[in-house]
Amino acid sequence: MNDTWIIVRKELKEIWRARGSLRSRLLSFLPILLVFGIYLPLQQREAWTEVPAVSGIWFMMLPLFLAGGTAADSFAGERERHTLETLLATRLSDRDIFVGKVLATVLYCVGITWSCALLGWTALNVTKGASPSFMYSAPVLALITLGSTLVSLLMTAVGVLVSLRAASVRSAAQVSSMVTLVLFIGLPVLLQALPSSVREAVGVALAGANWGVLGSVAALVVLLIDVALLMVGVARFQRARLVLE
């Protein structure tokens, strides 16, 4: 496990340093924090305070946009910088290298997501006026913490798998972007394409569903997919093959 954290620390340092000077690093994070941490909460104050699930869903989906580019750099970036051979020559096991790169991106995505959630909570309370203080409900906190972690792990595992065989960071990022588009746009489009009778039946079923049970089942399904992708990634990461390539 210590070897895994060696890779995690290495990757987090590279993510931070890749953005150049301290000013450039801060400016790269600022738009995300401003949009998701201040603009959206204040712009949609009524929805966030009266329909709490809105904020939870926003923060759960945020890793969809964060993970792809960072995960694309995991192996393809090493290949472009000609540092992959050095990494593969270390005593670190294949599993430690692969899992460490995945965990680093997950921590990056979760850290930004949770920071935005904290900033949104602060913005809503600072500007509340005579309104009651705002607090995330327990289900929303579950979406923000557990949901964002599972989505981060899902998108990161996909992105690292793509990066493992990609010739460049650009090509890996393009594939990851396509996966994001399919999940973010393709699924809603697919639902709209269903017959109205089917959509109505789904709506009725969801209206009478136990959301706690439904959320737990959904989380378990995503977790199983995450574990399966990690197992596939560890199995496909073959040091000897990468060295020959």
C-alpha atoms as a PDB file:
ATOM      1  CA  MET A   1       0.000   0.000   0.000  1.00  0.00           C
ATOM      2  CA  ASN A   2       2.923   2.349   0.699  1.00  0.00           C
ATOM      3  CA  ASP A   3       4.101   1.881  -2.878  1.00  0.00           C
ATOM      4  CA  THR A   4       0.651   2.853  -4.139  1.00  0.00           C
ATOM      5  CA  TRP A   5       0.798   6.103  -2.157  1.00  0.00           C
ATOM      6  CA  ILE A   6       4.214   6.847  -3.639  1.00  0.00           C
ATOM      7  CA  ILE A   7       2.539   6.927  -7.056  1.00  0.00           C
ATOM      8  CA  VAL A   8      -0.387   8.940  -5.685  1.00  0.00           C
ATOM      9  CA  ARG A   9       1.920  11.636  -4.310  1.00  0.00           C
ATOM     10  CA  LYS A  10       3.920  11.693  -7.546  1.00  0.00           C
ATOM     11  CA  GLU A  11       0.795  12.099  -9.679  1.00  0.00           C
ATOM     12  CA  LEU A  12      -0.715  14.828  -7.487  1.00  0.00           C
ATOM     13  CA  LYS A  13       2.531  16.801  -7.677  1.00  0.00           C
ATOM     14  CA  GLU A  14       2.537  16.468 -11.468  1.00  0.00           C
ATOM     15  CA  ILE A  15      -1.108  17.551 -11.700  1.00  0.00           C
ATOM     16  CA  TRP A  16      -0.245  20.631  -9.652  1.00  0.00           C
ATOM     17  CA  ARG A  17       3.003  21.447 -11.471  1.00  0.00           C
ATOM     18  CA  ALA A  18       1.520  20.887 -14.929  1.00  0.00           C
ATOM     19  CA  ARG A  19      -0.398  24.142 -14.588  1.00  0.00           C
ATOM     20  CA  GLY A  20       2.772  26.241 -14.546  1.00  0.00           C
ATOM     21  CA  SER A  21       3.300  29.111 -12.115  1.00  0.00           C
ATOM     22  CA  LEU A  22       1.321  29.578  -8.917  1.00  0.00           C
ATOM     23  CA  ARG A  23      -0.773  32.249 -10.631  1.00  0.00           C
ATOM     24  CA  SER A  24      -1.564  29.923 -13.540  1.00  0.00           C
ATOM     25  CA  ARG A  25      -2.470  27.135 -11.135  1.00  0.00           C
ATOM     26  CA  LEU A  26      -4.873  29.332  -9.213  1.00  0.00           C
ATOM     27  CA  LEU A  27      -6.430  30.680 -12.416  1.00  0.00           C
ATOM     28  CA  SER A  28      -6.950  27.138 -13.730  1.00  0.00           C
ATOM     29  CA  PHE A  29      -9.033  26.202 -10.678  1.00  0.00           C
ATOM     30  CA  LEU A  30     -10.791  29.557 -10.245  1.00  0.00           C
ATOM     31  CA  PRO A  31     -13.409  29.206 -13.040  1.00  0.00           C
ATOM     32  CA  ILE A  32     -14.599  25.843 -11.700  1.00  0.00           C
ATOM     33  CA  LEU A  33     -14.844  27.163  -8.144  1.00  0.00           C
ATOM     34  CA  LEU A  34     -16.631  30.340  -9.256  1.00  0.00           C
ATOM     35  CA  VAL A  35     -19.149  28.563 -11.498  1.00  0.00           C
ATOM     36  CA  PHE A  36     -20.007  25.554  -9.334  1.00  0.00           C
ATOM     37  CA  GLY A  37     -19.247  27.097  -5.951  1.00  0.00           C
ATOM     38  CA  ILE A  38     -20.750  30.582  -6.290  1.00  0.00           C
ATOM     39  CA  TYR A  39     -22.557  31.280  -9.572  1.00  0.00           C
ATOM     40  CA  LEU A  40     -24.825  28.215  -9.753  1.00  0.00           C
ATOM     41  CA  PRO A  41     -25.825  28.219  -6.062  1.00  0.00           C
ATOM     42  CA  LEU A  42     -26.721  31.922  -6.147  1.00  0.00           C
ATOM     43  CA  GLN A  43     -28.296  31.786  -9.611  1.00  0.00           C
ATOM     44  CA  GLN A  44     -30.426  28.770  -8.642  1.00  0.00           C
ATOM     45  CA  ARG A  45     -30.942  29.668  -4.967  1.00  0.00           C
ATOM     46  CA  GLU A  46     -34.618  28.714  -4.955  1.00  0.00           C
ATOM     47  CA  ALA A  47     -33.974  25.320  -6.530  1.00  0.00           C
ATOM     48  CA  TRP A  48     -31.018  24.582  -4.249  1.00  0.00           C
ATOM     49  CA  THR A  49     -32.911  25.475  -1.076  1.00  0.00           C
ATOM     50  CA  GLU A  50     -36.348  24.079  -1.963  1.00  0.00           C
ATOM     51  CA  VAL A  51     -35.303  21.064  -4.072  1.00  0.00           C
ATOM     52  CA  PRO A  52     -32.103  19.927  -2.318  1.00  0.00           C
ATOM     53  CA  ALA A  53     -31.440  17.089  -4.761  1.00  0.00           C
ATOM     54  CA  VAL A  54     -30.519  19.677  -7.407  1.00  0.00           C
ATOM     55  CA  SER A  55     -27.271  20.606  -5.650  1.00  0.00           C
ATOM     56  CA  GLY A  56     -26.441  16.967  -4.942  1.00  0.00           C
ATOM     57  CA  ILE A  57     -26.886  15.997  -8.581  1.00  0.00           C
ATOM     58  CA  TRP A  58     -24.753  18.926  -9.783  1.00  0.00           C
ATOM     59  CA  PHE A  59     -21.867  17.971  -7.521  1.00  0.00           C
ATOM     60  CA  MET A  60     -22.220  14.270  -8.283  1.00  0.00           C
ATOM     61  CA  MET A  61     -21.952  15.010 -12.019  1.00  0.00           C
ATOM     62  CA  LEU A  62     -19.034  17.468 -11.724  1.00  0.00           C
ATOM     63  CA  PRO A  63     -16.373  14.689 -11.854  1.00  0.00           C
ATOM     64  CA  LEU A  64     -17.654  13.789 -15.321  1.00  0.00           C
ATOM     65  CA  PHE A  65     -15.962  16.962 -16.575  1.00  0.00           C
ATOM     66  CA  LEU A  66     -12.923  16.836 -14.304  1.00  0.00           C
ATOM     67  CA  ALA A  67     -11.689  13.263 -14.610  1.00  0.00           C
ATOM     68  CA  GLY A  68     -11.313  12.828 -18.372  1.00  0.00           C
ATOM     69  CA  GLY A  69      -8.478  15.245 -19.111  1.00  0.00           C
ATOM     70  CA  THR A  70      -6.497  14.386 -15.992  1.00  0.00           C
ATOM     71  CA  ALA A  71      -6.855  10.631 -16.480  1.00  0.00           C
ATOM     72  CA  ALA A  72      -5.882  10.999 -20.152  1.00  0.00           C
ATOM     73  CA  ASP A  73      -2.464  12.265 -19.064  1.00  0.00           C
ATOM     74  CA  SER A  74      -1.795   9.331 -16.721  1.00  0.00           C
ATOM     75  CA  PHE A  75       0.055   7.050 -19.156  1.00  0.00           C
ATOM     76  CA  ALA A  76      -0.149   8.913 -22.467  1.00  0.00           C
ATOM     77  CA  GLY A  77       1.481  11.921 -20.797  1.00  0.00           C
ATOM     78  CA  GLU A  78       4.298   9.772 -19.447  1.00  0.00           C
ATOM     79  CA  ARG A  79       4.751   8.378 -22.948  1.00  0.00           C
ATOM     80  CA  GLU A  80       4.938  11.866 -24.511  1.00  0.00           C
ATOM     81  CA  ARG A  81       7.362  13.138 -21.858  1.00  0.00           C
ATOM     82  CA  HIS A  82       9.510   9.988 -22.289  1.00  0.00           C
ATOM     83  CA  THR A  83       9.277   9.235 -18.571  1.00  0.00           C
ATOM     84  CA  LEU A  84       7.272   6.023 -18.889  1.00  0.00           C
ATOM     85  CA  GLU A  85      10.402   3.899 -19.269  1.00  0.00           C
ATOM     86  CA  THR A  86      11.840   5.337 -16.062  1.00  0.00           C
ATOM     87  CA  LEU A  87       8.612   4.619 -14.188  1.00  0.00           C
ATOM     88  CA  LEU A  88       8.484   1.046 -15.476  1.00  0.00           C
ATOM     89  CA  ALA A  89      12.103   0.492 -14.446  1.00  0.00           C
ATOM     90  CA  THR A  90      11.305   1.074 -10.767  1.00  0.00           C
ATOM     91  CA  ARG A  91      10.666  -1.701  -8.248  1.00  0.00           C
ATOM     92  CA  LEU A  92       6.999  -0.679  -7.998  1.00  0.00           C
ATOM     93  CA  SER A  93       4.560  -3.398  -9.014  1.00  0.00           C
ATOM     94  CA  ASP A  94       2.194  -3.070 -11.952  1.00  0.00           C
ATOM     95  CA  ARG A  95      -0.783  -2.995  -9.596  1.00  0.00           C
ATOM     96  CA  ASP A  96       0.709  -0.207  -7.488  1.00  0.00           C
ATOM     97  CA  ILE A  97       1.415   1.938 -10.543  1.00  0.00           C
ATOM     98  CA  PHE A  98      -2.036   1.512 -12.072  1.00  0.00           C
ATOM     99  CA  VAL A  99      -4.038   1.869  -8.847  1.00  0.00           C
ATOM    100  CA  GLY A 100      -1.887   4.806  -7.708  1.00  0.00           C
ATOM    101  CA  LYS A 101      -2.586   6.735 -10.905  1.00  0.00           C
ATOM    102  CA  VAL A 102      -6.319   6.058 -10.571  1.00  0.00           C
ATOM    103  CA  LEU A 103      -6.435   7.112  -6.915  1.00  0.00           C
ATOM    104  CA  ALA A 104      -4.532  10.343  -7.608  1.00  0.00           C
ATOM    105  CA  THR A 105      -7.077  11.466 -10.207  1.00  0.00           C
ATOM    106  CA  VAL A 106      -9.975  10.446  -7.961  1.00  0.00           C
ATOM    107  CA  LEU A 107      -8.536  12.507  -5.093  1.00  0.00           C
ATOM    108  CA  TYR A 108      -8.089  15.470  -7.438  1.00  0.00           C
ATOM    109  CA  CYS A 109     -11.690  15.286  -8.684  1.00  0.00           C
ATOM    110  CA  VAL A 110     -13.195  14.686  -5.253  1.00  0.00           C
ATOM    111  CA  GLY A 111     -11.116  17.492  -3.726  1.00  0.00           C
ATOM    112  CA  ILE A 112     -12.388  20.047  -6.238  1.00  0.00           C
ATOM    113  CA  THR A 113     -15.977  18.770  -5.990  1.00  0.00           C
ATOM    114  CA  TRP A 114     -16.053  18.935  -2.211  1.00  0.00           C
ATOM    115  CA  SER A 115     -14.416  22.377  -2.274  1.00  0.00           C
ATOM    116  CA  CYS A 116     -17.170  23.617  -4.620  1.00  0.00           C
ATOM    117  CA  ALA A 117     -19.829  22.148  -2.325  1.00  0.00           C
ATOM    118  CA  LEU A 118     -18.305  23.882   0.692  1.00  0.00           C
ATOM    119  CA  LEU A 119     -18.002  27.150  -1.226  1.00  0.00           C
ATOM    120  CA  GLY A 120     -21.639  26.867  -2.376  1.00  0.00           C
ATOM    121  CA  TRP A 121     -22.822  26.301   1.190  1.00  0.00           C
ATOM    122  CA  THR A 122     -20.828  29.336   2.318  1.00  0.00           C
ATOM    123  CA  ALA A 123     -22.139  31.554  -0.508  1.00  0.00           C
ATOM    124  CA  LEU A 124     -25.770  30.657   0.191  1.00  0.00           C
ATOM    125  CA  ASN A 125     -25.423  31.368   3.905  1.00  0.00           C
ATOM    126  CA  VAL A 126     -23.443  34.596   3.516  1.00  0.00           C
ATOM    127  CA  THR A 127     -26.083  36.007   1.133  1.00  0.00           C
ATOM    128  CA  LYS A 128     -29.169  34.511   2.818  1.00  0.00           C
ATOM    129  CA  GLY A 129     -30.491  37.808   4.199  1.00  0.00           C
ATOM    130  CA  ALA A 130     -33.583  37.090   6.271  1.00  0.00           C
ATOM    131  CA  SER A 131     -33.895  33.534   4.936  1.00  0.00           C
ATOM    132  CA  PRO A 132     -33.162  30.527   7.171  1.00  0.00           C
ATOM    133  CA  SER A 133     -29.631  29.153   7.204  1.00  0.00           C
ATOM    134  CA  PHE A 134     -28.902  26.656   4.455  1.00  0.00           C
ATOM    135  CA  MET A 135     -27.653  23.149   5.170  1.00  0.00           C
ATOM    136  CA  TYR A 136     -27.276  20.158   2.886  1.00  0.00           C
ATOM    137  CA  SER A 137     -29.594  17.325   3.829  1.00  0.00           C
ATOM    138  CA  ALA A 138     -28.261  13.852   4.585  1.00  0.00           C
ATOM    139  CA  PRO A 139     -29.243  12.424   1.151  1.00  0.00           C
ATOM    140  CA  VAL A 140     -27.594  15.386  -0.592  1.00  0.00           C
ATOM    141  CA  LEU A 141     -24.428  14.945   1.460  1.00  0.00           C
ATOM    142  CA  ALA A 142     -24.439  11.294   0.375  1.00  0.00           C
ATOM    143  CA  LEU A 143     -24.632  12.395  -3.277  1.00  0.00           C
ATOM    144  CA  ILE A 144     -21.844  14.927  -2.772  1.00  0.00           C
ATOM    145  CA  THR A 145     -19.493  12.576  -0.923  1.00  0.00           C
ATOM    146  CA  LEU A 146     -20.241   9.008  -1.970  1.00  0.00           C
ATOM    147  CA  GLY A 147     -21.837   9.815  -5.328  1.00  0.00           C
ATOM    148  CA  SER A 148     -19.018  12.069  -6.504  1.00  0.00           C
ATOM    149  CA  THR A 149     -16.436   9.506  -5.366  1.00  0.00           C
ATOM    150  CA  LEU A 150     -18.078   6.665  -7.288  1.00  0.00           C
ATOM    151  CA  VAL A 151     -18.506   8.782 -10.435  1.00  0.00           C
ATOM    152  CA  SER A 152     -14.899   9.983 -10.144  1.00  0.00           C
ATOM    153  CA  LEU A 153     -13.686   6.406  -9.858  1.00  0.00           C
ATOM    154  CA  LEU A 154     -15.817   5.340 -12.831  1.00  0.00           C
ATOM    155  CA  MET A 155     -14.617   8.091 -15.169  1.00  0.00           C
ATOM    156  CA  THR A 156     -11.016   7.837 -13.977  1.00  0.00           C
ATOM    157  CA  ALA A 157     -10.869   4.071 -14.501  1.00  0.00           C
ATOM    158  CA  VAL A 158     -12.194   4.521 -18.037  1.00  0.00           C
ATOM    159  CA  GLY A 159      -9.798   7.398 -18.739  1.00  0.00           C
ATOM    160  CA  VAL A 160      -6.726   5.579 -17.422  1.00  0.00           C
ATOM    161  CA  LEU A 161      -7.615   2.478 -19.435  1.00  0.00           C
ATOM    162  CA  VAL A 162      -7.847   4.622 -22.567  1.00  0.00           C
ATOM    163  CA  SER A 163      -4.605   6.429 -21.714  1.00  0.00           C
ATOM    164  CA  LEU A 164      -2.838   3.110 -21.218  1.00  0.00           C
ATOM    165  CA  ARG A 165      -3.053   2.345 -24.962  1.00  0.00           C
ATOM    166  CA  ALA A 166      -3.341   5.865 -26.408  1.00  0.00           C
ATOM    167  CA  ALA A 167      -0.512   7.232 -28.522  1.00  0.00           C
ATOM    168  CA  SER A 168      -0.971  10.781 -27.211  1.00  0.00           C
ATOM    169  CA  VAL A 169      -2.719  12.742 -24.488  1.00  0.00           C
ATOM    170  CA  ARG A 170      -4.865  14.428 -27.111  1.00  0.00           C
ATOM    171  CA  SER A 171      -6.233  11.177 -28.501  1.00  0.00           C
ATOM    172  CA  ALA A 172      -6.878   9.836 -24.991  1.00  0.00           C
ATOM    173  CA  ALA A 173      -8.684  13.056 -24.022  1.00  0.00           C
ATOM    174  CA  GLN A 174     -10.845  12.875 -27.147  1.00  0.00           C
ATOM    175  CA  VAL A 175     -11.998   9.347 -26.342  1.00  0.00           C
ATOM    176  CA  SER A 176     -12.677  10.312 -22.719  1.00  0.00           C
ATOM    177  CA  SER A 177     -14.683  13.315 -23.915  1.00  0.00           C
ATOM    178  CA  MET A 178     -16.799  11.067 -26.099  1.00  0.00           C
ATOM    179  CA  VAL A 179     -17.545   8.822 -23.126  1.00  0.00           C
ATOM    180  CA  THR A 180     -18.548  11.889 -21.094  1.00  0.00           C
ATOM    181  CA  LEU A 181     -20.838  13.117 -23.863  1.00  0.00           C
ATOM    182  CA  VAL A 182     -22.503   9.722 -24.110  1.00  0.00           C
ATOM    183  CA  LEU A 183     -23.171   9.636 -20.367  1.00  0.00           C
ATOM    184  CA  PHE A 184     -24.190  13.285 -19.995  1.00  0.00           C
ATOM    185  CA  ILE A 185     -26.131  13.772 -23.230  1.00  0.00           C
ATOM    186  CA  GLY A 186     -26.719  10.332 -24.690  1.00  0.00           C
ATOM    187  CA  LEU A 187     -28.704   8.922 -21.772  1.00  0.00           C
ATOM    188  CA  PRO A 188     -31.185  11.852 -21.591  1.00  0.00           C
ATOM    189  CA  VAL A 189     -31.602  11.699 -25.378  1.00  0.00           C
ATOM    190  CA  LEU A 190     -32.253   7.964 -25.130  1.00  0.00           C
ATOM    191  CA  LEU A 191     -34.896   8.542 -22.472  1.00  0.00           C
ATOM    192  CA  GLN A 192     -36.577  11.167 -24.646  1.00  0.00           C
ATOM    193  CA  ALA A 193     -36.623   8.699 -27.538  1.00  0.00           C
ATOM    194  CA  LEU A 194     -38.676   6.219 -25.527  1.00  0.00           C
ATOM    195  CA  PRO A 195     -42.439   6.065 -26.208  1.00  0.00           C
ATOM    196  CA  SER A 196     -44.461   8.439 -24.043  1.00  0.00           C
ATOM    197  CA  SER A 197     -46.260   5.511 -22.400  1.00  0.00           C
ATOM    198  CA  VAL A 198     -42.911   4.057 -21.277  1.00  0.00           C
ATOM    199  CA  ARG A 199     -41.742   7.432 -19.954  1.00  0.00           C
ATOM    200  CA  GLU A 200     -44.983   7.851 -18.032  1.00  0.00           C
ATOM    201  CA  ALA A 201     -44.655   4.370 -16.549  1.00  0.00           C
ATOM    202  CA  VAL A 202     -41.087   5.129 -15.482  1.00  0.00           C
ATOM    203  CA  GLY A 203     -42.206   8.432 -13.970  1.00  0.00           C
ATOM    204  CA  VAL A 204     -44.971   6.732 -11.974  1.00  0.00           C
ATOM    205  CA  ALA A 205     -42.563   4.049 -10.761  1.00  0.00           C
ATOM    206  CA  LEU A 206     -40.007   6.646  -9.675  1.00  0.00           C
ATOM    207  CA  ALA A 207     -42.661   8.759  -7.951  1.00  0.00           C
ATOM    208  CA  GLY A 208     -43.622   5.859  -5.726  1.00  0.00           C
ATOM    209  CA  ALA A 209     -40.116   4.508  -5.263  1.00  0.00           C
ATOM    210  CA  ASN A 210     -38.148   4.429  -2.046  1.00  0.00           C
ATOM    211  CA  TRP A 211     -35.326   6.806  -2.968  1.00  0.00           C
ATOM    212  CA  GLY A 212     -33.096   5.544  -0.198  1.00  0.00           C
ATOM    213  CA  VAL A 213     -33.267   1.987  -1.508  1.00  0.00           C
ATOM    214  CA  LEU A 214     -33.033   3.148  -5.115  1.00  0.00           C
ATOM    215  CA  GLY A 215     -29.960   5.243  -4.365  1.00  0.00           C
ATOM    216  CA  SER A 216     -28.306   2.385  -2.488  1.00  0.00           C
ATOM    217  CA  VAL A 217     -28.899  -0.009  -5.381  1.00  0.00           C
ATOM    218  CA  ALA A 218     -27.568   2.543  -7.897  1.00  0.00           C
ATOM    219  CA  ALA A 219     -24.468   3.145  -5.750  1.00  0.00           C
ATOM    220  CA  LEU A 220     -23.855  -0.606  -5.475  1.00  0.00           C
ATOM    221  CA  VAL A 221     -24.165  -1.040  -9.250  1.00  0.00           C
ATOM    222  CA  VAL A 222     -21.705   1.788  -9.953  1.00  0.00           C
ATOM    223  CA  LEU A 223     -19.326   0.402  -7.314  1.00  0.00           C
ATOM    224  CA  LEU A 224     -19.378  -3.032  -8.941  1.00  0.00           C
ATOM    225  CA  ILE A 225     -18.657  -1.441 -12.333  1.00  0.00           C
ATOM    226  CA  ASP A 226     -15.789   0.542 -10.772  1.00  0.00           C
ATOM    227  CA  VAL A 227     -14.271  -2.593  -9.249  1.00  0.00           C
ATOM    228  CA  ALA A 228     -14.659  -4.477 -12.533  1.00  0.00           C
ATOM    229  CA  LEU A 229     -12.915  -1.682 -14.476  1.00  0.00           C
ATOM    230  CA  LEU A 230     -10.070  -1.587 -11.951  1.00  0.00           C
ATOM    231  CA  MET A 231      -9.628  -5.351 -12.239  1.00  0.00           C
ATOM    232  CA  VAL A 232      -9.574  -5.094 -16.035  1.00  0.00           C
ATOM    233  CA  GLY A 233      -7.055  -2.257 -15.840  1.00  0.00           C
ATOM    234  CA  VAL A 234      -4.716  -4.126 -13.504  1.00  0.00           C
ATOM    235  CA  ALA A 235      -4.947  -7.190 -15.749  1.00  0.00           C
ATOM    236  CA  ARG A 236      -4.228  -5.183 -18.917  1.00  0.00           C
ATOM    237  CA  PHE A 237      -1.325  -3.264 -17.439  1.00  0.00           C
ATOM    238  CA  GLN A 238       1.592  -5.413 -18.526  1.00  0.00           C
ATOM    239  CA  ARG A 239       4.992  -3.843 -17.951  1.00  0.00           C
ATOM    240  CA  ALA A 240       6.800  -6.057 -20.470  1.00  0.00           C
ATOM    241  CA  ARG A 241       4.365  -5.189 -23.243  1.00  0.00           C
ATOM    242  CA  LEU A 242       4.610  -1.457 -22.539  1.00  0.00           C
ATOM    243  CA  VAL A 243       8.408  -1.606 -22.584  1.00  0.00           C
ATOM    244  CA  LEU A 244       8.359  -3.306 -25.983  1.00  0.00           C
ATOM    245  CA  GLU A 245       5.935  -0.693 -27.308  1.00  0.00           C
END
